[in-house]
Protein backbone atom coordinates (compact mmCIF):
# COMPACT_ATOMS: atom_id res chain seq x y z
CA MET A 1 53.25 6.89 -21.03
CA GLN A 2 51.69 5.04 -17.72
CA SER A 3 48.77 3.84 -19.58
CA LEU A 4 51.03 2.23 -22.23
CA ASP A 5 53.11 0.32 -19.71
CA ASP A 6 49.78 -0.65 -17.54
CA PHE A 7 48.39 -2.22 -20.79
CA ALA A 8 51.72 -4.06 -21.35
CA ALA A 9 51.96 -5.16 -17.63
CA GLU A 10 48.14 -6.38 -17.93
CA LYS A 11 48.86 -8.22 -21.17
CA LEU A 12 51.81 -10.15 -19.51
CA ASP A 13 50.31 -10.87 -16.36
CA ASP A 14 47.46 -12.61 -17.88
CA LEU A 15 50.02 -14.65 -20.16
CA GLU A 16 51.58 -15.51 -17.00
CA ARG A 17 48.53 -16.82 -15.37
CA ARG A 18 48.03 -19.09 -18.21
CA HIS A 19 51.49 -20.19 -18.46
CA LEU A 20 51.79 -18.86 -21.79
CA ARG A 21 54.48 -16.21 -21.42
CA ARG A 22 57.59 -16.75 -23.36
CA THR A 23 61.02 -15.56 -22.42
CA LEU A 24 64.14 -15.29 -24.75
CA ALA A 25 67.11 -17.65 -23.61
CA ASP A 26 70.56 -17.24 -24.62
CA SER A 27 71.42 -20.55 -26.75
CA TYR A 28 75.00 -21.11 -27.91
CA ARG A 29 75.05 -23.82 -30.43
CA GLU A 30 78.62 -25.17 -30.87
CA ASP A 31 78.34 -27.38 -33.40
CA GLY A 32 75.06 -27.87 -34.62
CA ILE A 33 73.20 -30.34 -31.98
CA TRP A 34 74.73 -29.22 -28.46
CA VAL A 35 73.36 -26.06 -27.01
CA GLU A 36 74.67 -24.31 -23.95
CA ARG A 37 71.24 -22.74 -22.27
CA GLY A 38 70.78 -21.76 -18.71
CA GLY A 39 74.05 -22.69 -17.34
CA ARG A 40 73.50 -26.17 -18.62
CA LYS A 41 74.92 -28.14 -22.09
CA LEU A 42 72.22 -29.95 -23.50
CA LEU A 43 71.70 -32.02 -26.67
CA SER A 44 69.24 -30.04 -28.67
CA PHE A 45 66.07 -31.72 -30.01
CA SER A 46 64.44 -28.52 -30.92
CA CYS A 47 66.52 -27.05 -33.75
CA ASN A 48 65.35 -26.85 -37.53
CA ASP A 49 68.87 -27.29 -38.80
CA TYR A 50 68.15 -30.84 -39.80
CA LEU A 51 71.17 -31.31 -41.67
CA ASN A 52 73.47 -29.34 -39.28
CA LEU A 53 74.66 -27.55 -42.32
CA SER A 54 74.83 -24.36 -40.55
CA HIS A 55 78.07 -25.49 -39.16
CA HIS A 56 79.29 -27.32 -42.12
CA PRO A 57 82.98 -26.27 -43.02
CA GLU A 58 82.05 -25.63 -46.79
CA VAL A 59 79.03 -23.55 -45.93
CA LYS A 60 80.96 -21.38 -43.44
CA ALA A 61 84.03 -20.81 -45.70
CA ALA A 62 81.54 -19.80 -48.50
CA ALA A 63 80.01 -17.11 -46.16
CA ALA A 64 83.71 -15.93 -45.06
CA ALA A 65 84.56 -15.67 -48.73
CA ALA A 66 81.57 -13.69 -49.62
CA LEU A 67 81.93 -11.72 -46.56
CA HIS A 68 85.22 -10.57 -47.53
CA LEU A 69 84.46 -9.85 -51.35
CA TYR A 70 81.19 -8.22 -51.17
CA GLY A 71 80.93 -6.90 -47.45
CA ALA A 72 78.68 -7.25 -44.23
CA GLY A 73 75.33 -6.08 -45.90
CA SER A 74 73.78 -5.64 -49.33
CA GLY A 75 73.25 -1.91 -48.99
CA ALA A 76 69.78 -1.56 -50.65
CA SER A 77 66.72 -3.22 -51.66
CA ARG A 78 67.30 -5.75 -54.65
CA LEU A 79 65.63 -3.39 -57.01
CA VAL A 80 68.16 -0.56 -56.08
CA THR A 81 71.72 -1.97 -55.37
CA GLY A 82 71.30 -4.72 -53.31
CA ASN A 83 71.08 -7.47 -55.88
CA HIS A 84 74.68 -8.92 -55.50
CA PRO A 85 75.54 -11.46 -58.24
CA LEU A 86 75.16 -14.46 -55.66
CA TYR A 87 71.44 -14.05 -55.95
CA ALA A 88 71.38 -15.29 -59.58
CA GLN A 89 73.45 -18.40 -58.65
CA LEU A 90 71.19 -19.34 -55.52
CA GLU A 91 67.76 -18.86 -57.71
CA ALA A 92 69.12 -21.11 -60.55
CA LYS A 93 70.10 -23.78 -57.87
CA LEU A 94 66.66 -23.33 -56.36
CA ALA A 95 64.67 -23.65 -59.62
CA ARG A 96 66.85 -26.60 -60.98
CA ILE A 97 66.15 -28.58 -57.56
CA LYS A 98 62.56 -27.92 -57.47
CA GLU A 99 62.24 -28.29 -61.39
CA THR A 100 60.81 -25.28 -62.33
CA GLU A 101 61.49 -22.43 -64.82
CA ALA A 102 62.69 -19.63 -62.18
CA ALA A 103 62.87 -18.82 -58.42
CA VAL A 104 63.13 -15.67 -56.56
CA VAL A 105 64.62 -15.09 -53.20
CA PHE A 106 62.99 -13.09 -50.41
CA GLY A 107 64.44 -11.91 -47.11
CA SER A 108 62.62 -14.78 -44.74
CA GLY A 109 59.82 -17.15 -45.25
CA TYR A 110 57.68 -14.93 -43.54
CA LEU A 111 58.30 -12.12 -45.77
CA ALA A 112 57.90 -14.54 -48.33
CA ASN A 113 54.53 -15.41 -47.87
CA ALA A 114 53.40 -12.07 -46.76
CA GLY A 115 54.21 -10.83 -50.21
CA ILE A 116 53.30 -13.63 -52.49
CA ILE A 117 49.84 -14.38 -51.53
CA PRO A 118 48.61 -10.68 -51.96
CA VAL A 119 50.25 -10.32 -55.27
CA LEU A 120 48.12 -13.40 -56.72
CA ILE A 121 44.67 -12.70 -54.65
CA GLY A 122 43.13 -9.45 -54.44
CA ARG A 123 39.89 -8.02 -53.01
CA GLU A 124 37.68 -10.07 -55.20
CA GLY A 125 39.68 -13.33 -54.71
CA LEU A 126 39.50 -16.33 -52.59
CA ALA A 127 42.28 -17.81 -50.33
CA LEU A 128 41.54 -21.28 -49.03
CA VAL A 129 44.26 -22.32 -46.32
CA ASP A 130 44.67 -25.49 -44.53
CA GLU A 131 43.59 -24.66 -40.80
CA LEU A 132 47.30 -25.72 -39.56
CA SER A 133 49.27 -23.51 -41.93
CA HIS A 134 51.92 -21.53 -40.27
CA ALA A 135 50.98 -18.06 -39.12
CA CYS A 136 52.55 -16.29 -42.16
CA ILE A 137 50.52 -17.96 -44.44
CA PHE A 138 47.38 -16.42 -42.71
CA ALA A 139 49.18 -12.95 -42.49
CA GLY A 140 49.66 -13.14 -46.25
CA ALA A 141 46.12 -14.34 -46.87
CA GLN A 142 44.71 -11.72 -44.88
CA LEU A 143 46.93 -9.12 -46.66
CA THR A 144 44.88 -10.01 -49.44
CA ARG A 145 41.81 -8.13 -48.34
CA GLY A 146 39.87 -10.92 -49.99
CA LYS A 147 37.99 -13.82 -49.10
CA VAL A 148 39.95 -16.19 -46.55
CA MET A 149 38.51 -19.37 -45.51
CA THR A 150 40.05 -22.44 -43.56
CA PHE A 151 39.58 -26.14 -44.65
CA ARG A 152 40.21 -28.70 -41.84
CA HIS A 153 43.73 -30.17 -41.74
CA ASN A 154 44.50 -32.26 -44.95
CA ASP A 155 40.74 -32.70 -45.48
CA LEU A 156 40.34 -33.09 -49.13
CA ALA A 157 36.49 -33.41 -48.81
CA HIS A 158 36.20 -30.35 -46.85
CA ALA A 159 38.43 -28.36 -49.37
CA GLU A 160 36.33 -29.38 -52.28
CA GLU A 161 32.84 -28.50 -50.41
CA LEU A 162 34.36 -25.06 -50.09
CA LEU A 163 35.53 -24.62 -53.44
CA MET A 164 32.17 -26.08 -54.71
CA ALA A 165 30.05 -23.34 -52.64
CA HIS A 166 32.31 -20.29 -53.34
CA ARG A 167 34.69 -20.67 -56.05
CA LYS A 168 32.44 -19.01 -58.63
CA GLN A 169 31.91 -15.87 -56.63
CA HIS A 170 35.48 -15.04 -57.04
CA ASP A 171 37.68 -14.14 -59.85
CA ARG A 172 40.62 -15.97 -58.79
CA ALA A 173 41.23 -18.75 -56.09
CA LEU A 174 44.41 -19.74 -54.28
CA ILE A 175 44.71 -23.02 -51.92
CA VAL A 176 47.72 -22.74 -49.61
CA THR A 177 49.00 -25.60 -47.41
CA GLU A 178 52.44 -26.61 -45.98
CA GLY A 179 54.23 -29.22 -47.54
CA VAL A 180 55.48 -30.45 -44.17
CA PHE A 181 53.70 -29.31 -41.46
CA SER A 182 55.70 -27.52 -38.87
CA MET A 183 54.28 -28.51 -35.55
CA ASP A 184 52.65 -31.88 -36.42
CA GLY A 185 55.34 -33.12 -38.90
CA ASP A 186 52.88 -34.96 -41.07
CA LEU A 187 52.84 -34.24 -45.08
CA ALA A 188 50.12 -32.81 -47.05
CA PRO A 189 48.31 -34.82 -49.83
CA LEU A 190 50.04 -32.59 -52.66
CA ASP A 191 49.12 -34.53 -55.64
CA GLU A 192 45.40 -34.81 -54.62
CA LEU A 193 45.25 -31.01 -53.74
CA ASN A 194 46.82 -30.29 -56.99
CA ALA A 195 44.43 -32.11 -58.92
CA LEU A 196 41.30 -30.59 -56.62
CA ALA A 197 42.79 -27.26 -57.53
CA GLN A 198 42.85 -27.70 -61.37
CA GLN A 199 39.38 -29.02 -61.40
CA HIS A 200 38.27 -25.65 -59.92
CA ASP A 201 40.57 -23.24 -61.86
CA ALA A 202 42.43 -22.79 -58.83
CA TRP A 203 46.16 -22.39 -57.92
CA LEU A 204 48.12 -24.52 -55.49
CA MET A 205 50.64 -23.07 -53.50
CA SER A 206 52.93 -25.20 -50.88
CA ASP A 207 55.06 -23.99 -48.14
CA ASP A 208 57.98 -26.54 -48.14
CA ALA A 209 60.03 -24.81 -45.31
CA HIS A 210 60.33 -28.10 -43.65
CA GLY A 211 60.58 -30.39 -46.79
CA LEU A 212 63.56 -29.04 -48.71
CA GLY A 213 66.61 -30.90 -47.66
CA VAL A 214 64.99 -33.48 -46.05
CA ILE A 215 61.98 -35.04 -48.04
CA GLY A 216 62.22 -36.78 -51.54
CA GLY A 217 66.22 -37.07 -51.55
CA GLY A 218 66.59 -33.50 -50.47
CA ARG A 219 64.14 -31.91 -53.06
CA GLY A 220 61.24 -31.56 -50.78
CA SER A 221 57.84 -32.72 -50.07
CA SER A 222 56.58 -32.31 -53.83
CA PHE A 223 59.11 -35.16 -54.53
CA ALA A 224 57.95 -37.64 -51.62
CA ASN A 225 57.90 -41.09 -52.07
CA GLY A 226 59.77 -41.12 -55.40
CA LYS A 227 56.85 -39.01 -57.25
CA HIS A 228 57.27 -35.66 -58.62
CA VAL A 229 54.13 -33.39 -58.31
CA ALA A 230 54.46 -30.53 -60.42
CA LEU A 231 52.92 -27.59 -58.09
CA PRO A 232 52.49 -24.33 -59.92
CA LEU A 233 54.02 -22.58 -56.82
CA GLN A 234 56.58 -23.99 -54.62
CA MET A 235 57.43 -21.72 -51.53
CA GLY A 236 60.14 -22.35 -48.77
CA THR A 237 62.74 -21.09 -46.47
CA LEU A 238 66.42 -21.23 -46.38
CA SER A 239 66.60 -21.11 -42.53
CA LYS A 240 65.76 -24.90 -41.87
CA ALA A 241 67.62 -27.61 -43.40
CA VAL A 242 69.83 -25.50 -45.62
CA GLY A 243 70.98 -23.69 -42.64
CA ALA A 244 70.89 -20.33 -43.69
CA TYR A 245 68.35 -17.63 -43.83
CA GLY A 246 65.89 -16.28 -46.33
CA GLY A 247 62.67 -17.58 -48.28
CA TYR A 248 61.89 -18.59 -51.89
CA LEU A 249 59.34 -18.75 -54.55
CA CYS A 250 59.92 -21.55 -57.20
CA ALA A 251 57.59 -21.08 -60.15
CA SER A 252 57.28 -20.26 -64.12
CA ALA A 253 59.26 -17.24 -65.21
CA HIS A 254 56.33 -15.29 -65.76
CA VAL A 255 55.23 -15.62 -62.16
CA ILE A 256 58.62 -15.15 -60.79
CA GLU A 257 59.01 -11.78 -62.65
CA LEU A 258 55.75 -10.54 -61.41
CA MET A 259 56.89 -11.34 -58.04
CA ARG A 260 59.88 -9.01 -58.55
CA ASN A 261 57.75 -6.19 -59.60
CA ARG A 262 54.82 -6.58 -57.31
CA ALA A 263 55.69 -8.16 -54.10
CA ARG A 264 56.03 -5.41 -51.64
CA THR A 265 58.01 -7.36 -49.05
CA LEU A 266 60.65 -7.98 -51.69
CA VAL A 267 60.43 -4.48 -53.44
CA TYR A 268 60.53 -2.63 -50.41
CA SER A 269 63.14 -4.90 -48.07
CA THR A 270 66.83 -4.62 -48.01
CA GLY A 271 68.43 -7.57 -49.61
CA LEU A 272 70.31 -10.38 -47.84
CA PRO A 273 73.57 -10.01 -46.56
CA PRO A 274 76.22 -11.50 -49.26
CA ALA A 275 77.53 -14.05 -46.96
CA ILE A 276 73.82 -15.44 -45.97
CA VAL A 277 73.17 -16.11 -49.76
CA ALA A 278 76.58 -17.61 -50.33
CA ALA A 279 76.13 -19.88 -47.42
CA ALA A 280 72.54 -21.03 -48.76
CA SER A 281 74.07 -21.57 -52.22
CA ALA A 282 76.90 -23.84 -50.64
CA ALA A 283 74.43 -25.87 -48.70
CA LEU A 284 72.26 -26.68 -51.75
CA ASP A 285 75.37 -28.07 -53.24
CA ILE A 286 75.72 -30.35 -50.38
CA ILE A 287 71.99 -31.55 -50.47
CA GLU A 288 71.94 -32.26 -54.17
CA ARG A 289 75.14 -34.36 -54.11
CA GLU A 290 74.44 -36.41 -50.88
CA PRO A 291 71.11 -37.40 -50.72
CA ASP A 292 71.93 -40.28 -48.72
CA TYR A 293 72.95 -37.80 -45.93
CA ALA A 294 69.52 -35.69 -46.71
CA ALA A 295 67.77 -39.03 -45.67
CA LEU A 296 69.00 -39.08 -42.30
CA PRO A 297 66.71 -36.98 -40.24
CA VAL A 298 63.69 -38.85 -41.25
CA LYS A 299 65.42 -42.21 -40.67
CA LYS A 300 66.49 -41.00 -37.13
CA ALA A 301 62.79 -39.66 -36.37
CA LYS A 302 61.43 -43.15 -37.46
CA TYR A 303 63.79 -44.92 -35.51
CA PHE A 304 62.53 -42.83 -32.50
CA THR A 305 58.93 -43.14 -33.30
CA ARG A 306 59.16 -47.07 -33.42
CA MET A 307 60.95 -47.19 -30.03
CA THR A 308 58.25 -45.22 -28.55
CA ASN A 309 55.47 -46.76 -30.29
CA LEU A 310 54.03 -43.06 -31.54
CA PRO A 311 52.68 -42.99 -35.07
CA ASP A 312 55.48 -43.44 -37.49
CA ALA A 313 57.28 -40.38 -38.36
CA GLN A 314 56.87 -38.99 -41.84
CA SER A 315 59.48 -35.99 -41.48
CA PRO A 316 62.14 -35.19 -39.14
CA ILE A 317 59.23 -33.76 -36.88
CA VAL A 318 57.76 -35.56 -33.96
CA PRO A 319 55.15 -34.08 -31.68
CA ILE A 320 54.50 -35.43 -28.26
CA PHE A 321 51.04 -34.16 -27.18
CA ILE A 322 50.84 -33.08 -23.66
CA GLY A 323 47.66 -31.21 -23.47
CA GLY A 324 48.05 -28.09 -21.12
CA ALA A 325 50.60 -25.51 -21.30
CA GLU A 326 51.79 -25.91 -17.85
CA ALA A 327 52.24 -29.68 -18.28
CA ALA A 328 54.13 -29.27 -21.19
CA MET A 329 56.54 -26.85 -19.47
CA LYS A 330 56.91 -29.32 -16.68
CA ALA A 331 57.51 -32.36 -19.28
CA ALA A 332 60.30 -30.16 -20.98
CA GLU A 333 62.24 -29.55 -17.61
CA ARG A 334 61.99 -33.40 -17.04
CA LEU A 335 64.03 -33.84 -20.44
CA ALA A 336 66.30 -31.01 -19.41
CA ASN A 337 66.98 -32.68 -16.43
CA GLU A 338 68.28 -35.89 -18.62
CA GLY A 339 70.34 -33.44 -20.83
CA PHE A 340 67.72 -32.97 -23.71
CA LEU A 341 66.76 -29.32 -25.15
CA ALA A 342 63.05 -29.94 -26.00
CA VAL A 343 61.23 -26.63 -26.11
CA PRO A 344 57.52 -26.67 -25.17
CA ILE A 345 55.37 -25.55 -27.84
CA ARG A 346 52.15 -23.83 -26.48
CA PRO A 347 49.15 -21.83 -27.81
CA PRO A 348 48.69 -19.69 -30.01
CA THR A 349 51.16 -21.61 -32.12
CA VAL A 350 49.28 -24.52 -31.67
CA PRO A 351 45.52 -24.94 -30.85
CA GLU A 352 44.19 -24.72 -27.12
CA GLY A 353 44.62 -28.04 -25.36
CA THR A 354 47.40 -29.20 -27.89
CA ALA A 355 50.80 -28.09 -26.10
CA ARG A 356 53.21 -30.45 -26.80
CA LEU A 357 57.00 -31.26 -27.13
CA ARG A 358 58.15 -30.89 -30.66
CA LEU A 359 61.06 -33.06 -31.28
CA THR A 360 63.19 -32.51 -34.37
CA PHE A 361 65.84 -34.91 -35.68
CA THR A 362 68.93 -33.94 -37.29
CA ALA A 363 71.62 -36.16 -39.31
CA GLN A 364 74.10 -36.01 -36.73
CA HIS A 365 72.11 -37.16 -33.82
CA PRO A 366 73.98 -40.06 -32.30
CA ASP A 367 71.91 -43.36 -32.59
CA ALA A 368 72.61 -43.99 -28.97
CA GLU A 369 71.15 -40.58 -27.82
CA VAL A 370 68.17 -41.32 -29.81
CA GLU A 371 67.80 -44.41 -28.09
CA ARG A 372 68.16 -42.78 -24.61
CA LEU A 373 65.98 -40.22 -25.58
CA ALA A 374 63.65 -42.69 -26.52
CA ARG A 375 63.69 -44.51 -23.18
CA VAL A 376 63.63 -41.07 -21.20
CA VAL A 377 60.52 -40.11 -22.88
CA ARG A 378 58.77 -43.35 -22.34
CA GLU A 379 59.48 -43.25 -18.89
CA ARG A 380 59.56 -39.35 -17.98
CA VAL A 381 56.81 -37.98 -20.20
CA LEU A 382 54.54 -40.72 -21.90
CA ALA A 383 54.18 -42.71 -18.53
CA HIS A 384 53.06 -39.39 -16.75
């Protein structure tokens, strides 16, 4: 219908005018850090494969073996015939790493958050979400049809104020935050938030998508700084430092069994391909046995921030705030001309006026290239 095309064209034109239109770019990642894109070979500082495990020989071999044994796809949802034996191995490893009774794997991090939160909170419940949480957390909270409120980023006082004012009007309350914030790279005060939740008979859920594998000896943000915070709900993904795909929840055995029965995004989704589950399981083995390797991305990020006089990195993620969307795109192009891929992040992914270059550091980034990137950023980005 012409009206449909007209509607789409009008929306796209508006995005173009505001420098917010996005395009897909073919990106050939040949070894985990180098990317061929737009006819150029660039050293990527935009990938979440923090440990470069997507190209690790053991991970690829595990995926290939599972492919030959179990086939390309799972064939059905996990509750029908898609629950191949590799799932149990992966979930046992996740529970052991996170020190919980059990774990369950979802099809993706987005599916996990969209499924977990509505199981815990219904129409009469309260979901309290850090304002800088990922879009899938807000999607899950909105699906509850309950009361959804945001608290200022990492602001314990504001979170407590909201709980004091609203907790008693709801049968259940859930606080949700990211363990490592995906766009800013800072860590949530999990210990303090957990204590606050307990004071108000609320449950704390942390999304550790960017913490597992690189924080706390590889065990994630609830183990940061050598201290274990026993969170009741630890969600995360297998698509960042683990180098594969999928999402998970680590919790008590009763909570996990409830998810297997009631999380719609698990019950009604086809199971992950066996090769993907095997790859994630092999990657977790590497993370467990090589904590020094898992620490490298944060070490390299800290090295970079020291050389650029930026705030000390808390994770492998270092934002360089630009402001306007067009200016961020131009800054990214200047880095590309120097051989670096730094994809600009623009609204609505980040708040208006905070467009940025989101740099991510990996275990295999050469120190010499980190130094060169720091020099280029100082001269070609921060000086503008």
